[in-house]
Amino acid sequence: MYILIRIGTNDTRWTEKVSRTKKTLEDYIKSKGFYWSKKIGRYVDDKTTGISGGSGTDYVIEQVDEI
């Protein structure tokens, strides 16, 4: 199982989506304009210029065990 976690300002984190496959979550955030940043290690966008990291919202995908 994979969890899509949205990271906002001040490192606030929310669980946004859960999926059995990572690709489903990647497709979901890529459709919203996010891409993987190797430098930051998160999915970021470039919607707002002048702010490091784009809009101030980043995403990470974490793998978890299903019970």
Protein backbone atom coordinates (compact mmCIF):
# COMPACT_ATOMS: atom_id res chain seq x y z
CA MET A 1 0.00 0.00 0.00
CA TYR A 2 1.10 3.53 -0.71
CA ILE A 3 0.05 6.78 0.93
CA LEU A 4 0.16 10.18 -0.78
CA ILE A 5 1.09 12.80 1.78
CA ARG A 6 0.61 16.51 1.11
CA ILE A 7 3.21 18.76 2.76
CA GLY A 8 2.21 22.37 3.32
CA THR A 9 3.82 25.35 4.96
CA ASN A 10 5.71 24.77 8.22
CA ASP A 11 6.02 21.06 7.24
CA THR A 12 2.32 20.43 7.98
CA ARG A 13 1.38 16.99 6.62
CA TRP A 14 -1.98 15.54 5.54
CA THR A 15 -2.81 12.13 4.17
CA GLU A 16 -4.53 12.78 0.88
CA LYS A 17 -4.92 9.44 -0.96
CA VAL A 18 -4.16 5.75 -0.51
CA SER A 19 -3.53 3.22 -3.28
CA ARG A 20 -2.29 -0.30 -3.79
CA THR A 21 0.10 0.94 -6.50
CA LYS A 22 2.55 3.82 -6.49
CA LYS A 23 1.90 4.53 -10.18
CA THR A 24 -1.75 5.41 -9.49
CA LEU A 25 -0.67 8.08 -7.00
CA GLU A 26 2.07 9.36 -9.31
CA ASP A 27 -0.43 9.71 -12.17
CA TYR A 28 -2.82 11.57 -9.87
CA ILE A 29 -0.29 14.23 -8.80
CA LYS A 30 1.31 14.52 -12.23
CA SER A 31 -2.12 15.41 -13.61
CA LYS A 32 -2.15 18.29 -11.10
CA GLY A 33 1.18 19.60 -12.48
CA PHE A 34 3.59 18.09 -9.94
CA TYR A 35 6.87 16.40 -10.85
CA TRP A 36 9.62 14.58 -8.93
CA SER A 37 12.43 16.87 -7.76
CA LYS A 38 15.57 14.85 -7.13
CA LYS A 39 17.16 17.86 -5.41
CA ILE A 40 14.37 18.21 -2.83
CA GLY A 41 13.27 14.56 -2.75
CA ARG A 42 9.59 15.44 -3.15
CA TYR A 43 7.00 16.03 -5.83
CA VAL A 44 6.83 19.80 -6.47
CA ASP A 45 5.25 22.25 -8.91
CA ASP A 46 6.22 25.60 -10.42
CA LYS A 47 2.87 27.41 -10.32
CA THR A 48 4.03 30.33 -8.18
CA THR A 49 7.19 32.10 -9.23
CA GLY A 50 9.47 33.57 -6.62
CA ILE A 51 8.70 30.93 -4.02
CA SER A 52 11.18 28.11 -3.62
CA GLY A 53 9.30 24.89 -4.32
CA GLY A 54 6.47 26.44 -6.32
CA SER A 55 3.06 26.83 -4.69
CA GLY A 56 4.27 25.94 -1.20
CA THR A 57 2.65 22.50 -1.41
CA ASP A 58 4.76 19.40 -2.00
CA TYR A 59 3.91 15.71 -2.00
CA VAL A 60 5.66 12.53 -0.94
CA ILE A 61 4.60 8.92 -1.45
CA GLU A 62 5.31 6.54 1.41
CA GLN A 63 5.04 2.75 1.29
CA VAL A 64 3.26 1.12 4.23
CA ASP A 65 2.29 -2.41 5.20
CA GLU A 66 -1.34 -3.36 4.91
CA ILE A 67 -2.97 -5.12 7.89
